């Protein structure tokens, strides 16, 4: 569960606010029902917008409490768990393909 001070990354576009997937921000307030007020910033740290996001609209990338980045595998699981099974299966198939490709590359190189 995200906490105040954690850094999140949007996984949805908000064209009405001119915000897109990949923009990061800091949780500044926690509402009820998995809704969080997030201050979204650009790469220079300038505030782009502050508004409420549902937890399904972002992925946690940095934990303030531990001062550590969230591992990519954990971020991936957080996104996949909310997908319908048929879409999650596509992600699994792609991950298997990438794993096989990686393994083949190391066998050829090694």
Protein backbone atom coordinates (compact mmCIF):
# COMPACT_ATOMS: atom_id res chain seq x y z
CA UNK A 1 0.00 0.00 0.00
CA UNK A 2 1.48 3.37 -1.01
CA UNK A 3 2.36 5.89 1.69
CA UNK A 4 2.76 9.67 1.78
CA UNK A 5 6.16 10.55 0.34
CA UNK A 6 6.34 7.54 -1.98
CA UNK A 7 7.10 8.16 -5.65
CA UNK A 8 4.69 6.73 -8.23
CA UNK A 9 4.63 6.58 -12.02
CA UNK A 10 1.46 7.02 -14.05
CA UNK A 11 0.41 4.00 -16.11
CA UNK A 12 -2.50 5.79 -17.80
CA UNK A 13 -2.77 8.91 -19.95
CA UNK A 14 -4.72 11.94 -18.72
CA UNK A 15 -5.04 13.93 -21.96
CA UNK A 16 -7.48 16.39 -20.37
CA UNK A 17 -4.62 17.39 -18.04
CA UNK A 18 -1.87 17.04 -20.66
CA UNK A 19 -0.27 14.19 -18.69
CA UNK A 20 0.90 10.87 -20.10
CA UNK A 21 2.13 7.45 -19.07
CA UNK A 22 5.55 7.59 -17.40
CA UNK A 23 5.18 10.89 -15.55
CA UNK A 24 6.26 10.54 -11.94
CA UNK A 25 5.04 12.23 -8.81
CA UNK A 26 4.97 12.08 -5.04
CA UNK A 27 2.01 11.01 -2.93
CA UNK A 28 1.06 13.99 -0.77
CA UNK A 29 -2.25 12.79 0.69
CA UNK A 30 -4.15 9.53 1.08
CA UNK A 31 -7.93 9.50 0.55
CA UNK A 32 -10.32 6.60 1.16
CA UNK A 33 -10.81 3.72 -1.30
CA UNK A 34 -7.27 3.56 -2.76
CA UNK A 35 -7.27 7.15 -4.00
CA UNK A 36 -4.16 9.27 -3.52
CA UNK A 37 -3.40 12.93 -4.07
CA UNK A 38 -0.23 13.04 -6.18
CA UNK A 39 2.04 15.98 -7.02
CA UNK A 40 3.28 15.19 -10.53
CA UNK A 41 6.54 16.78 -11.63
CA UNK A 42 8.72 17.05 -14.73
CA UNK A 43 12.35 15.90 -14.86
CA UNK A 44 13.48 19.28 -13.48
CA UNK A 45 11.28 18.82 -10.42
CA UNK A 46 8.75 21.48 -11.44
CA UNK A 47 5.15 20.74 -10.49
CA UNK A 48 2.99 19.86 -13.47
CA UNK A 49 -0.23 19.15 -11.59
CA UNK A 50 -1.62 17.96 -8.27
CA UNK A 51 -4.70 15.75 -8.33
CA UNK A 52 -6.21 12.50 -7.13
CA UNK A 53 -5.25 9.20 -8.78
CA UNK A 54 -6.75 5.80 -8.16
CA UNK A 55 -4.14 3.19 -7.21
CA UNK A 56 -4.90 1.36 -10.49
CA UNK A 57 -3.64 4.42 -12.42
CA UNK A 58 -0.07 4.31 -11.13
CA UNK A 59 2.71 1.99 -10.06
CA UNK A 60 4.89 2.52 -6.99
CA UNK A 61 8.54 3.13 -8.00
CA UNK A 62 10.22 4.43 -4.80
CA UNK A 63 9.42 3.87 -1.13
CA UNK A 64 10.01 6.82 1.17
CA UNK A 65 10.08 4.67 4.31
CA UNK A 66 12.97 2.49 3.11
CA UNK A 67 14.55 5.11 0.81
CA UNK A 68 14.76 2.42 -1.89
CA UNK A 69 13.60 1.97 -5.47
CA UNK A 70 10.96 -0.69 -6.01
CA UNK A 71 12.41 -3.60 -8.03
CA UNK A 72 11.20 -3.82 -11.64
CA UNK A 73 9.79 -7.32 -11.03
CA UNK A 74 7.65 -5.98 -8.18
CA UNK A 75 6.43 -3.08 -10.34
CA UNK A 76 5.54 -5.52 -13.10
CA UNK A 77 3.58 -7.79 -10.75
CA UNK A 78 1.67 -4.76 -9.40
CA UNK A 79 0.53 -3.88 -12.92
CA UNK A 80 -0.23 -7.42 -14.10
CA UNK A 81 -2.35 -8.35 -11.07
CA UNK A 82 -5.08 -5.93 -12.19
CA UNK A 83 -5.20 -7.15 -15.79
CA UNK A 84 -7.80 -9.60 -17.09
CA UNK A 85 -6.42 -13.15 -17.31
CA UNK A 86 -6.28 -13.19 -21.12
CA UNK A 87 -4.15 -10.00 -21.17
CA UNK A 88 -1.97 -11.21 -18.28
CA UNK A 89 -1.37 -14.40 -20.29
CA UNK A 90 -0.09 -12.28 -23.20
CA UNK A 91 2.36 -10.58 -20.81
CA UNK A 92 3.49 -13.99 -19.54
CA UNK A 93 3.98 -15.26 -23.09
CA UNK A 94 6.07 -12.20 -23.94
CA UNK A 95 8.14 -12.60 -20.77
CA UNK A 96 8.80 -16.25 -21.70
CA UNK A 97 9.90 -15.16 -25.17
CA UNK A 98 12.30 -12.58 -23.70
CA UNK A 99 13.67 -15.11 -21.22
CA UNK A 100 14.32 -17.59 -24.04
CA UNK A 101 15.96 -14.87 -26.16
CA UNK A 102 18.19 -13.87 -23.22
CA UNK A 103 19.16 -17.49 -22.56
CA UNK A 104 19.99 -18.10 -26.23
CA UNK A 105 22.13 -14.95 -26.36
CA UNK A 106 24.18 -16.13 -23.37
CA UNK A 107 24.61 -19.62 -24.81
CA UNK A 108 25.89 -18.19 -28.10
CA UNK A 109 28.14 -15.62 -26.39
CA UNK A 110 29.44 -17.98 -23.72
